[in-house]
PDB file of all heavy atoms in Angstrom:
ATOM      1  N   GLY A   1      57.979  11.705  15.418  1.00  0.00           N
ATOM      2  CA  GLY A   1      57.512  12.903  14.727  1.00  0.00           C
ATOM      3  C   GLY A   1      57.485  14.056  15.691  1.00  0.00           C
ATOM      4  O   GLY A   1      57.663  13.931  16.911  1.00  0.00           O
ATOM      5  N   LYS A   2      57.268  15.252  15.154  1.00  0.00           N
ATOM      6  CA  LYS A   2      57.312  16.459  15.974  1.00  0.00           C
ATOM      7  C   LYS A   2      56.406  17.539  15.463  1.00  0.00           C
ATOM      8  O   LYS A   2      56.260  17.724  14.226  1.00  0.00           O
ATOM      9  CB  LYS A   2      58.747  16.998  16.001  1.00  0.00           C
ATOM     10  CG  LYS A   2      58.955  18.267  16.842  1.00  0.00           C
ATOM     11  CD  LYS A   2      60.414  18.652  16.870  1.00  0.00           C
ATOM     12  CE  LYS A   2      60.992  19.100  15.549  1.00  0.00           C
ATOM     13  NZ  LYS A   2      62.375  19.578  15.682  1.00  0.00           N
ATOM     14  N   LEU A   3      55.705  18.258  16.368  1.00  0.00           N
ATOM     15  CA  LEU A   3      55.008  19.477  16.054  1.00  0.00           C
ATOM     16  C   LEU A   3      55.934  20.609  16.557  1.00  0.00           C
ATOM     17  O   LEU A   3      56.132  20.767  17.773  1.00  0.00           O
ATOM     18  CB  LEU A   3      53.674  19.585  16.787  1.00  0.00           C
ATOM     19  CG  LEU A   3      52.490  18.822  16.167  1.00  0.00           C
ATOM     20  CD1 LEU A   3      51.287  18.979  17.088  1.00  0.00           C
ATOM     21  CD2 LEU A   3      52.173  19.341  14.792  1.00  0.00           C
ATOM     22  N   PRO A   4      56.538  21.367  15.648  1.00  0.00           N
ATOM     23  CA  PRO A   4      57.466  22.404  16.090  1.00  0.00           C
ATOM     24  C   PRO A   4      56.777  23.518  16.914  1.00  0.00           C
ATOM     25  O   PRO A   4      55.631  23.916  16.592  1.00  0.00           O
ATOM     26  CB  PRO A   4      58.032  23.006  14.819  1.00  0.00           C
ATOM     27  CG  PRO A   4      57.782  21.937  13.762  1.00  0.00           C
ATOM     28  CD  PRO A   4      56.480  21.300  14.189  1.00  0.00           C
ATOM     29  N   GLY A   5      57.415  23.945  17.971  1.00  0.00           N
ATOM     30  CA  GLY A   5      56.879  24.999  18.786  1.00  0.00           C
ATOM     31  C   GLY A   5      57.434  26.377  18.391  1.00  0.00           C
ATOM     32  O   GLY A   5      58.356  26.460  17.628  1.00  0.00           O
ATOM     33  N   ARG A   6      56.860  27.403  18.977  1.00  0.00           N
ATOM     34  CA  ARG A   6      57.359  28.763  18.693  1.00  0.00           C
ATOM     35  C   ARG A   6      58.704  29.042  19.327  1.00  0.00           C
ATOM     36  O   ARG A   6      59.531  29.796  18.774  1.00  0.00           O
ATOM     37  CB  ARG A   6      56.361  29.810  19.233  1.00  0.00           C
ATOM     38  CG  ARG A   6      55.168  30.072  18.343  1.00  0.00           C
ATOM     39  CD  ARG A   6      54.371  31.280  18.841  1.00  0.00           C
ATOM     40  NE  ARG A   6      53.807  31.030  20.161  1.00  0.00           N
ATOM     41  CZ  ARG A   6      52.542  30.696  20.347  1.00  0.00           C
ATOM     42  NH1 ARG A   6      51.746  30.491  19.330  1.00  0.00           N
ATOM     43  NH2 ARG A   6      52.092  30.497  21.569  1.00  0.00           N
ATOM     44  N   ASP A   7      58.962  28.382  20.463  1.00  0.00           N
ATOM     45  CA  ASP A   7      60.183  28.680  21.219  1.00  0.00           C
ATOM     46  C   ASP A   7      60.757  27.399  21.802  1.00  0.00           C
ATOM     47  O   ASP A   7      60.555  27.081  22.973  1.00  0.00           O
ATOM     48  CB  ASP A   7      59.904  29.694  22.338  1.00  0.00           C
ATOM     49  CG  ASP A   7      61.153  30.164  23.084  1.00  0.00           C
ATOM     50  OD1 ASP A   7      62.253  29.767  22.675  1.00  0.00           O
ATOM     51  OD2 ASP A   7      60.996  30.913  24.079  1.00  0.00           O
ATOM     52  N   PRO A   8      61.462  26.632  20.965  1.00  0.00           N
ATOM     53  CA  PRO A   8      62.048  25.348  21.463  1.00  0.00           C
ATOM     54  C   PRO A   8      63.000  25.506  22.637  1.00  0.00           C
ATOM     55  O   PRO A   8      63.230  24.492  23.309  1.00  0.00           O
ATOM     56  CB  PRO A   8      62.794  24.796  20.202  1.00  0.00           C
ATOM     57  CG  PRO A   8      62.142  25.504  19.047  1.00  0.00           C
ATOM     58  CD  PRO A   8      61.776  26.846  19.543  1.00  0.00           C
ATOM     59  N   SER A   9      63.501  26.711  22.909  1.00  0.00           N
ATOM     60  CA  SER A   9      64.371  26.874  24.045  1.00  0.00           C
ATOM     61  C   SER A   9      63.612  26.664  25.366  1.00  0.00           C
ATOM     62  O   SER A   9      64.258  26.470  26.411  1.00  0.00           O
ATOM     63  CB  SER A   9      64.947  28.286  24.033  1.00  0.00           C
ATOM     64  OG  SER A   9      63.953  29.247  24.297  1.00  0.00           O
ATOM     65  N   GLN A  10      62.293  26.649  25.300  1.00  0.00           N
ATOM     66  CA  GLN A  10      61.495  26.423  26.500  1.00  0.00           C
ATOM     67  C   GLN A  10      61.371  24.896  26.838  1.00  0.00           C
ATOM     68  O   GLN A  10      60.742  24.538  27.806  1.00  0.00           O
ATOM     69  CB  GLN A  10      60.065  26.983  26.301  1.00  0.00           C
ATOM     70  CG  GLN A  10      60.043  28.472  26.119  1.00  0.00           C
ATOM     71  CD  GLN A  10      60.330  29.215  27.468  1.00  0.00           C
ATOM     72  OE1 GLN A  10      60.192  28.634  28.534  1.00  0.00           O
ATOM     73  NE2 GLN A  10      60.795  30.446  27.337  1.00  0.00           N
ATOM     74  N   GLY A  11      61.987  24.056  26.001  1.00  0.00           N
ATOM     75  CA  GLY A  11      61.918  22.607  26.250  1.00  0.00           C
ATOM     76  C   GLY A  11      60.909  21.941  25.358  1.00  0.00           C
ATOM     77  O   GLY A  11      60.453  22.502  24.367  1.00  0.00           O
ATOM     78  N   ALA A  12      60.556  20.727  25.700  1.00  0.00           N
ATOM     79  CA  ALA A  12      59.638  19.933  24.846  1.00  0.00           C
ATOM     80  C   ALA A  12      58.791  19.030  25.699  1.00  0.00           C
ATOM     81  O   ALA A  12      59.086  18.758  26.857  1.00  0.00           O
ATOM     82  CB  ALA A  12      60.485  19.122  23.850  1.00  0.00           C
ATOM     83  N   VAL A  13      57.702  18.556  25.063  1.00  0.00           N
ATOM     84  CA  VAL A  13      56.791  17.568  25.673  1.00  0.00           C
ATOM     85  C   VAL A  13      56.824  16.346  24.792  1.00  0.00           C
ATOM     86  O   VAL A  13      56.943  16.437  23.557  1.00  0.00           O
ATOM     87  CB  VAL A  13      55.356  18.132  25.776  1.00  0.00           C
ATOM     88  CG1 VAL A  13      54.399  17.061  26.347  1.00  0.00           C
ATOM     89  CG2 VAL A  13      55.316  19.397  26.604  1.00  0.00           C
ATOM     90  N   LEU A  14      56.749  15.165  25.416  1.00  0.00           N
ATOM     91  CA  LEU A  14      56.826  13.931  24.661  1.00  0.00           C
ATOM     92  C   LEU A  14      55.572  13.082  24.920  1.00  0.00           C
ATOM     93  O   LEU A  14      55.135  12.906  26.082  1.00  0.00           O
ATOM     94  CB  LEU A  14      58.037  13.116  25.103  1.00  0.00           C
ATOM     95  CG  LEU A  14      58.180  11.687  24.527  1.00  0.00           C
ATOM     96  CD1 LEU A  14      58.359  11.677  23.027  1.00  0.00           C
ATOM     97  CD2 LEU A  14      59.349  10.930  25.228  1.00  0.00           C
ATOM     98  N   PHE A  15      54.952  12.605  23.843  1.00  0.00           N
ATOM     99  CA  PHE A  15      53.904  11.601  23.917  1.00  0.00           C
ATOM    100  C   PHE A  15      54.441  10.350  23.259  1.00  0.00           C
ATOM    101  O   PHE A  15      55.090  10.408  22.176  1.00  0.00           O
ATOM    102  CB  PHE A  15      52.628  12.052  23.178  1.00  0.00           C
ATOM    103  CG  PHE A  15      51.878  13.165  23.856  1.00  0.00           C
ATOM    104  CD1 PHE A  15      52.134  14.485  23.558  1.00  0.00           C
ATOM    105  CD2 PHE A  15      50.909  12.876  24.830  1.00  0.00           C
ATOM    106  CE1 PHE A  15      51.454  15.524  24.195  1.00  0.00           C
ATOM    107  CE2 PHE A  15      50.240  13.898  25.478  1.00  0.00           C
ATOM    108  CZ  PHE A  15      50.490  15.246  25.155  1.00  0.00           C
ATOM    109  N   LEU A  16      54.160   9.181  23.830  1.00  0.00           N
ATOM    110  CA  LEU A  16      54.667   7.925  23.275  1.00  0.00           C
ATOM    111  C   LEU A  16      53.712   6.801  23.477  1.00  0.00           C
ATOM    112  O   LEU A  16      52.904   6.787  24.444  1.00  0.00           O
ATOM    113  CB  LEU A  16      56.045   7.583  23.837  1.00  0.00           C
ATOM    114  CG  LEU A  16      56.177   7.225  25.316  1.00  0.00           C
ATOM    115  CD1 LEU A  16      57.428   6.342  25.565  1.00  0.00           C
ATOM    116  CD2 LEU A  16      56.235   8.444  26.205  1.00  0.00           C
ATOM    117  N   ALA A  17      53.767   5.817  22.583  1.00  0.00           N
ATOM    118  CA  ALA A  17      53.006   4.587  22.700  1.00  0.00           C
ATOM    119  C   ALA A  17      53.759   3.509  21.887  1.00  0.00           C
ATOM    120  O   ALA A  17      54.324   3.832  20.860  1.00  0.00           O
ATOM    121  CB  ALA A  17      51.595   4.788  22.128  1.00  0.00           C
ATOM    122  N   HIS A  18      53.749   2.320  22.384  1.00  0.00           N
ATOM    123  CA  HIS A  18      54.484   1.265  21.649  1.00  0.00           C
ATOM    124  C   HIS A  18      53.628   0.674  20.548  1.00  0.00           C
ATOM    125  O   HIS A  18      52.438   0.429  20.749  1.00  0.00           O
ATOM    126  CB  HIS A  18      55.035   0.193  22.605  1.00  0.00           C
ATOM    127  CG  HIS A  18      53.980  -0.783  23.122  1.00  0.00           C
ATOM    128  ND1 HIS A  18      53.699  -1.957  22.446  1.00  0.00           N
ATOM    129  CD2 HIS A  18      53.209  -0.755  24.218  1.00  0.00           C
ATOM    130  CE1 HIS A  18      52.768  -2.628  23.147  1.00  0.00           C
ATOM    131  NE2 HIS A  18      52.449  -1.927  24.229  1.00  0.00           N
ATOM    132  N   TRP A  19      54.255   0.440  19.382  1.00  0.00           N
ATOM    133  CA  TRP A  19      53.517  -0.100  18.256  1.00  0.00           C
ATOM    134  C   TRP A  19      53.675  -1.589  18.162  1.00  0.00           C
ATOM    135  O   TRP A  19      52.927  -2.270  17.444  1.00  0.00           O
ATOM    136  CB  TRP A  19      54.057   0.519  16.908  1.00  0.00           C
ATOM    137  CG  TRP A  19      55.501   0.291  16.600  1.00  0.00           C
ATOM    138  CD1 TRP A  19      56.533   1.147  16.793  1.00  0.00           C
ATOM    139  CD2 TRP A  19      56.076  -0.921  16.044  1.00  0.00           C
ATOM    140  NE1 TRP A  19      57.725   0.592  16.379  1.00  0.00           N
ATOM    141  CE2 TRP A  19      57.487  -0.709  15.960  1.00  0.00           C
ATOM    142  CE3 TRP A  19      55.562  -2.125  15.664  1.00  0.00           C
ATOM    143  CZ2 TRP A  19      58.348  -1.660  15.445  1.00  0.00           C
ATOM    144  CZ3 TRP A  19      56.438  -3.097  15.179  1.00  0.00           C
ATOM    145  CH2 TRP A  19      57.808  -2.852  15.071  1.00  0.00           C
ATOM    146  N   ASP A  20      54.653  -2.204  18.862  1.00  0.00           N
ATOM    147  CA  ASP A  20      54.987  -3.614  18.602  1.00  0.00           C
ATOM    148  C   ASP A  20      54.053  -4.556  19.364  1.00  0.00           C
ATOM    149  O   ASP A  20      53.449  -4.175  20.373  1.00  0.00           O
ATOM    150  CB  ASP A  20      56.435  -3.864  19.076  1.00  0.00           C
ATOM    151  CG  ASP A  20      56.611  -3.713  20.578  1.00  0.00           C
ATOM    152  OD1 ASP A  20      56.267  -2.625  21.087  1.00  0.00           O
ATOM    153  OD2 ASP A  20      57.035  -4.721  21.230  1.00  0.00           O
ATOM    154  N   HIS A  21      53.994  -5.792  18.844  1.00  0.00           N
ATOM    155  CA  HIS A  21      53.305  -6.873  19.531  1.00  0.00           C
ATOM    156  C   HIS A  21      54.052  -8.170  19.251  1.00  0.00           C
ATOM    157  O   HIS A  21      55.260  -8.120  18.876  1.00  0.00           O
ATOM    158  CB  HIS A  21      51.821  -6.916  19.142  1.00  0.00           C
ATOM    159  CG  HIS A  21      50.961  -7.528  20.176  1.00  0.00           C
ATOM    160  ND1 HIS A  21      50.900  -7.022  21.475  1.00  0.00           N
ATOM    161  CD2 HIS A  21      50.105  -8.603  20.136  1.00  0.00           C
ATOM    162  CE1 HIS A  21      50.064  -7.791  22.182  1.00  0.00           C
ATOM    163  NE2 HIS A  21      49.574  -8.726  21.403  1.00  0.00           N
ATOM    164  N   PHE A  22      53.389  -9.320  19.321  1.00  0.00           N
ATOM    165  CA  PHE A  22      54.097 -10.599  19.306  1.00  0.00           C
ATOM    166  C   PHE A  22      54.030 -11.351  18.007  1.00  0.00           C
ATOM    167  O   PHE A  22      54.551 -12.462  17.909  1.00  0.00           O
ATOM    168  CB  PHE A  22      53.571 -11.480  20.423  1.00  0.00           C
ATOM    169  CG  PHE A  22      53.879 -10.994  21.773  1.00  0.00           C
ATOM    170  CD1 PHE A  22      52.869 -10.500  22.626  1.00  0.00           C
ATOM    171  CD2 PHE A  22      55.166 -10.994  22.252  1.00  0.00           C
ATOM    172  CE1 PHE A  22      53.163 -10.035  23.875  1.00  0.00           C
ATOM    173  CE2 PHE A  22      55.492 -10.530  23.534  1.00  0.00           C
ATOM    174  CZ  PHE A  22      54.448 -10.024  24.353  1.00  0.00           C
ATOM    175  N   GLY A  23      53.387 -10.818  16.966  1.00  0.00           N
ATOM    176  CA  GLY A  23      53.316 -11.586  15.720  1.00  0.00           C
ATOM    177  C   GLY A  23      52.416 -12.780  15.851  1.00  0.00           C
ATOM    178  O   GLY A  23      51.356 -12.753  16.438  1.00  0.00           O
ATOM    179  N   GLU A  24      52.858 -13.916  15.301  1.00  0.00           N
ATOM    180  CA  GLU A  24      52.134 -15.178  15.427  1.00  0.00           C
ATOM    181  C   GLU A  24      52.571 -15.839  16.725  1.00  0.00           C
ATOM    182  O   GLU A  24      53.691 -16.340  16.820  1.00  0.00           O
ATOM    183  CB  GLU A  24      52.423 -16.061  14.228  1.00  0.00           C
ATOM    184  CG  GLU A  24      51.909 -15.424  12.908  1.00  0.00           C
ATOM    185  CD  GLU A  24      52.146 -16.299  11.705  1.00  0.00           C
ATOM    186  OE1 GLU A  24      52.644 -17.422  11.871  1.00  0.00           O
ATOM    187  OE2 GLU A  24      51.814 -15.840  10.569  1.00  0.00           O
ATOM    188  N   CYS A  25      51.680 -15.871  17.678  1.00  0.00           N
ATOM    189  CA  CYS A  25      52.076 -16.274  19.050  1.00  0.00           C
ATOM    190  C   CYS A  25      51.444 -17.582  19.493  1.00  0.00           C
ATOM    191  O   CYS A  25      51.922 -18.175  20.480  1.00  0.00           O
ATOM    192  CB  CYS A  25      51.713 -15.175  20.041  1.00  0.00           C
ATOM    193  SG  CYS A  25      49.952 -14.863  20.133  1.00  0.00           S
ATOM    194  N   ALA A  26      50.381 -18.029  18.830  1.00  0.00           N
ATOM    195  CA  ALA A  26      49.756 -19.266  19.282  1.00  0.00           C
ATOM    196  C   ALA A  26      50.472 -20.482  18.699  1.00  0.00           C
ATOM    197  O   ALA A  26      51.297 -20.381  17.765  1.00  0.00           O
ATOM    198  CB  ALA A  26      48.298 -19.289  18.808  1.00  0.00           C
ATOM    199  N   ALA A  27      50.237 -21.616  19.290  1.00  0.00           N
ATOM    200  CA  ALA A  27      50.905 -22.865  18.847  1.00  0.00           C
ATOM    201  C   ALA A  27      50.503 -23.250  17.438  1.00  0.00           C
ATOM    202  O   ALA A  27      49.398 -22.890  16.939  1.00  0.00           O
ATOM    203  CB  ALA A  27      50.555 -24.011  19.797  1.00  0.00           C
ATOM    204  N   ALA A  28      51.411 -23.940  16.727  1.00  0.00           N
ATOM    205  CA  ALA A  28      51.110 -24.375  15.392  1.00  0.00           C
ATOM    206  C   ALA A  28      49.835 -25.246  15.396  1.00  0.00           C
ATOM    207  O   ALA A  28      49.652 -26.080  16.305  1.00  0.00           O
ATOM    208  CB  ALA A  28      52.308 -25.188  14.864  1.00  0.00           C
ATOM    209  N   GLY A  29      48.999 -25.018  14.423  1.00  0.00           N
ATOM    210  CA  GLY A  29      47.750 -25.740  14.311  1.00  0.00           C
ATOM    211  C   GLY A  29      46.570 -25.110  14.998  1.00  0.00           C
ATOM    212  O   GLY A  29      45.428 -25.579  14.846  1.00  0.00           O
ATOM    213  N   ALA A  30      46.846 -24.046  15.769  1.00  0.00           N
ATOM    214  CA  ALA A  30      45.743 -23.324  16.432  1.00  0.00           C
ATOM    215  C   ALA A  30      44.881 -22.660  15.392  1.00  0.00           C
ATOM    216  O   ALA A  30      45.391 -22.182  14.328  1.00  0.00           O
ATOM    217  CB  ALA A  30      46.279 -22.299  17.427  1.00  0.00           C
ATOM    218  N   PRO A  31      43.556 -22.517  15.599  1.00  0.00           N
ATOM    219  CA  PRO A  31      42.681 -21.918  14.577  1.00  0.00           C
ATOM    220  C   PRO A  31      43.028 -20.457  14.359  1.00  0.00           C
ATOM    221  O   PRO A  31      42.794 -19.936  13.256  1.00  0.00           O
ATOM    222  CB  PRO A  31      41.298 -22.078  15.192  1.00  0.00           C
ATOM    223  CG  PRO A  31      41.494 -22.337  16.630  1.00  0.00           C
ATOM    224  CD  PRO A  31      42.802 -23.062  16.752  1.00  0.00           C
ATOM    225  N   ASP A  32      43.550 -19.750  15.351  1.00  0.00           N
ATOM    226  CA  ASP A  32      43.921 -18.363  15.202  1.00  0.00           C
ATOM    227  C   ASP A  32      45.307 -18.212  15.846  1.00  0.00           C
ATOM    228  O   ASP A  32      45.453 -18.286  17.083  1.00  0.00           O
ATOM    229  CB  ASP A  32      42.920 -17.455  15.884  1.00  0.00           C
ATOM    230  CG  ASP A  32      43.260 -15.968  15.708  1.00  0.00           C
ATOM    231  OD1 ASP A  32      44.235 -15.655  14.978  1.00  0.00           O
ATOM    232  OD2 ASP A  32      42.515 -15.119  16.214  1.00  0.00           O
ATOM    233  N   ARG A  33      46.326 -18.010  15.039  1.00  0.00           N
ATOM    234  CA  ARG A  33      47.692 -17.967  15.563  1.00  0.00           C
ATOM    235  C   ARG A  33      48.212 -16.532  15.809  1.00  0.00           C
ATOM    236  O   ARG A  33      49.197 -16.312  16.465  1.00  0.00           O
ATOM    237  CB  ARG A  33      48.659 -18.665  14.594  1.00  0.00           C
ATOM    238  CG  ARG A  33      48.399 -20.121  14.424  1.00  0.00           C
ATOM    239  CD  ARG A  33      49.644 -20.771  13.799  1.00  0.00           C
ATOM    240  NE  ARG A  33      50.804 -20.580  14.621  1.00  0.00           N
ATOM    241  CZ  ARG A  33      52.064 -20.695  14.184  1.00  0.00           C
ATOM    242  NH1 ARG A  33      52.287 -20.906  12.886  1.00  0.00           N
ATOM    243  NH2 ARG A  33      53.069 -20.479  15.023  1.00  0.00           N
ATOM    244  N   ILE A  34      47.501 -15.537  15.237  1.00  0.00           N
ATOM    245  CA  ILE A  34      48.033 -14.162  15.255  1.00  0.00           C
ATOM    246  C   ILE A  34      47.598 -13.414  16.525  1.00  0.00           C
ATOM    247  O   ILE A  34      46.411 -13.384  16.843  1.00  0.00           O
ATOM    248  CB  ILE A  34      47.566 -13.368  14.041  1.00  0.00           C
ATOM    249  CG1 ILE A  34      48.094 -14.026  12.737  1.00  0.00           C
ATOM    250  CG2 ILE A  34      48.052 -11.919  14.094  1.00  0.00           C
ATOM    251  CD1 ILE A  34      47.561 -13.361  11.466  1.00  0.00           C
TER     252      ILE A  34
END
């Protein structure tokens, strides 16, 4: 996504964070697998 600036010719700033994780990661039969 983007917040447009007044003067894009001045360049840009980026903020980022990863959304992903491992899903169901524990062994089958574990009380909590997620």
